[in-house]
Amino acid sequence: MDAKQSAQLIQSAMIIAGIGSLIQINVNAIISVTLIFLVSAIETIGDTSALAVSGLGREVTTKETAGSIACDGYVSALSSVFGCT
C-alpha cells in the first residue's frame, strides 16, 4: 500500500465515522504558530534576563528562566483557545 492509498483509506474512514468534514489539517498554520511560539519564548528569555539584571542586580537562574518560559507557553496556549494573538 503506497502513501496515496493510505491517505485515501484514512479519509474514507473519517468520512464513515462522520468526522471527515470536521477535521482539516493545515500545515502552513501549524508552521506559523510554531514560529510565533518560538519568537515569544525568545522574547520571554530576554525579558526575564533584563528584569533580573536591572531589578535585582544579578543574573537570572535556570529555574527562573524555565518558569518564565513555562508560564509564557501556558498563557499563549490559553489565549489561542480564545482566538487572541
Protein backbone atom coordinates (compact mmCIF):
# COMPACT_ATOMS: atom_id res chain seq x y z
CA MET A 1 0.00 0.00 0.00
CA ASP A 2 1.53 3.31 -1.05
CA ALA A 3 1.09 6.71 0.61
CA LYS A 4 -1.76 7.79 -1.67
CA GLN A 5 -3.79 4.65 -0.97
CA SER A 6 -3.12 5.01 2.75
CA ALA A 7 -4.33 8.63 2.72
CA GLN A 8 -7.46 7.65 0.82
CA LEU A 9 -8.15 4.86 3.31
CA ILE A 10 -7.82 7.23 6.26
CA GLN A 11 -10.02 9.81 4.54
CA SER A 12 -12.68 7.18 3.83
CA ALA A 13 -12.63 6.01 7.45
CA MET A 14 -13.02 9.59 8.69
CA ILE A 15 -15.99 10.18 6.37
CA ILE A 16 -17.64 6.95 7.51
CA ALA A 17 -17.05 7.97 11.15
CA GLY A 18 -18.64 11.34 10.44
CA ILE A 19 -15.60 13.44 11.28
CA GLY A 20 -14.16 13.87 7.83
CA SER A 21 -15.72 17.25 7.32
CA LEU A 22 -14.85 18.45 10.84
CA ILE A 23 -11.08 17.89 10.83
CA GLN A 24 -8.81 19.75 8.46
CA ILE A 25 -5.06 19.88 8.98
CA ASN A 26 -3.36 22.97 7.60
CA VAL A 27 0.43 22.54 7.67
CA ASN A 28 1.04 26.23 6.96
CA ALA A 29 -0.95 27.22 10.05
CA ILE A 30 0.99 24.75 12.20
CA ILE A 31 4.33 26.12 10.97
CA SER A 32 3.20 29.73 11.51
CA VAL A 33 2.01 29.13 15.07
CA THR A 34 5.19 27.20 15.90
CA LEU A 35 7.33 30.11 14.72
CA ILE A 36 5.23 32.58 16.71
CA PHE A 37 5.63 30.47 19.86
CA LEU A 38 9.41 30.26 19.33
CA VAL A 39 9.71 34.04 18.93
CA SER A 40 7.59 34.51 22.04
CA ALA A 41 9.85 32.15 24.01
CA ILE A 42 12.97 34.04 22.91
CA GLU A 43 11.34 37.32 23.91
CA THR A 44 10.48 35.86 27.31
CA ILE A 45 14.10 34.83 27.89
CA GLY A 46 15.24 38.36 27.08
CA ASP A 47 12.60 39.96 29.29
CA THR A 48 13.43 37.67 32.22
CA SER A 49 17.16 38.32 31.89
CA ALA A 50 16.69 42.09 31.65
CA LEU A 51 14.41 42.22 34.67
CA ALA A 52 16.76 40.14 36.82
CA VAL A 53 19.81 42.23 35.89
CA SER A 54 18.15 45.64 36.18
CA GLY A 55 15.77 44.97 39.05
CA LEU A 56 17.71 42.50 41.18
CA GLY A 57 21.28 43.24 40.12
CA ARG A 58 22.09 39.61 39.34
CA GLU A 59 21.93 37.06 36.55
CA VAL A 60 18.78 35.05 36.07
CA THR A 61 18.81 31.43 37.25
CA THR A 62 17.93 28.42 35.12
CA LYS A 63 14.88 27.73 37.29
CA GLU A 64 13.59 31.28 36.79
CA THR A 65 14.11 31.08 33.03
CA ALA A 66 12.36 27.71 32.84
CA GLY A 67 9.45 29.02 34.91
CA SER A 68 9.01 32.12 32.79
CA ILE A 69 9.04 30.09 29.55
CA ALA A 70 6.52 27.63 31.00
CA CYS A 71 4.21 30.47 32.08
CA ASP A 72 4.52 32.16 28.69
CA GLY A 73 3.72 28.89 26.90
CA TYR A 74 0.69 28.29 29.12
CA VAL A 75 -0.68 31.79 28.58
CA SER A 76 0.00 31.62 24.83
CA ALA A 77 -1.83 28.29 24.55
CA LEU A 78 -4.72 29.59 26.62
CA SER A 79 -5.03 32.76 24.54
CA SER A 80 -5.02 30.75 21.30
CA VAL A 81 -8.11 28.89 22.52
CA PHE A 82 -9.93 32.22 22.64
CA GLY A 83 -8.55 33.42 19.31
CA CYS A 84 -6.30 36.10 20.81
CA THR A 85 -2.97 36.97 19.24
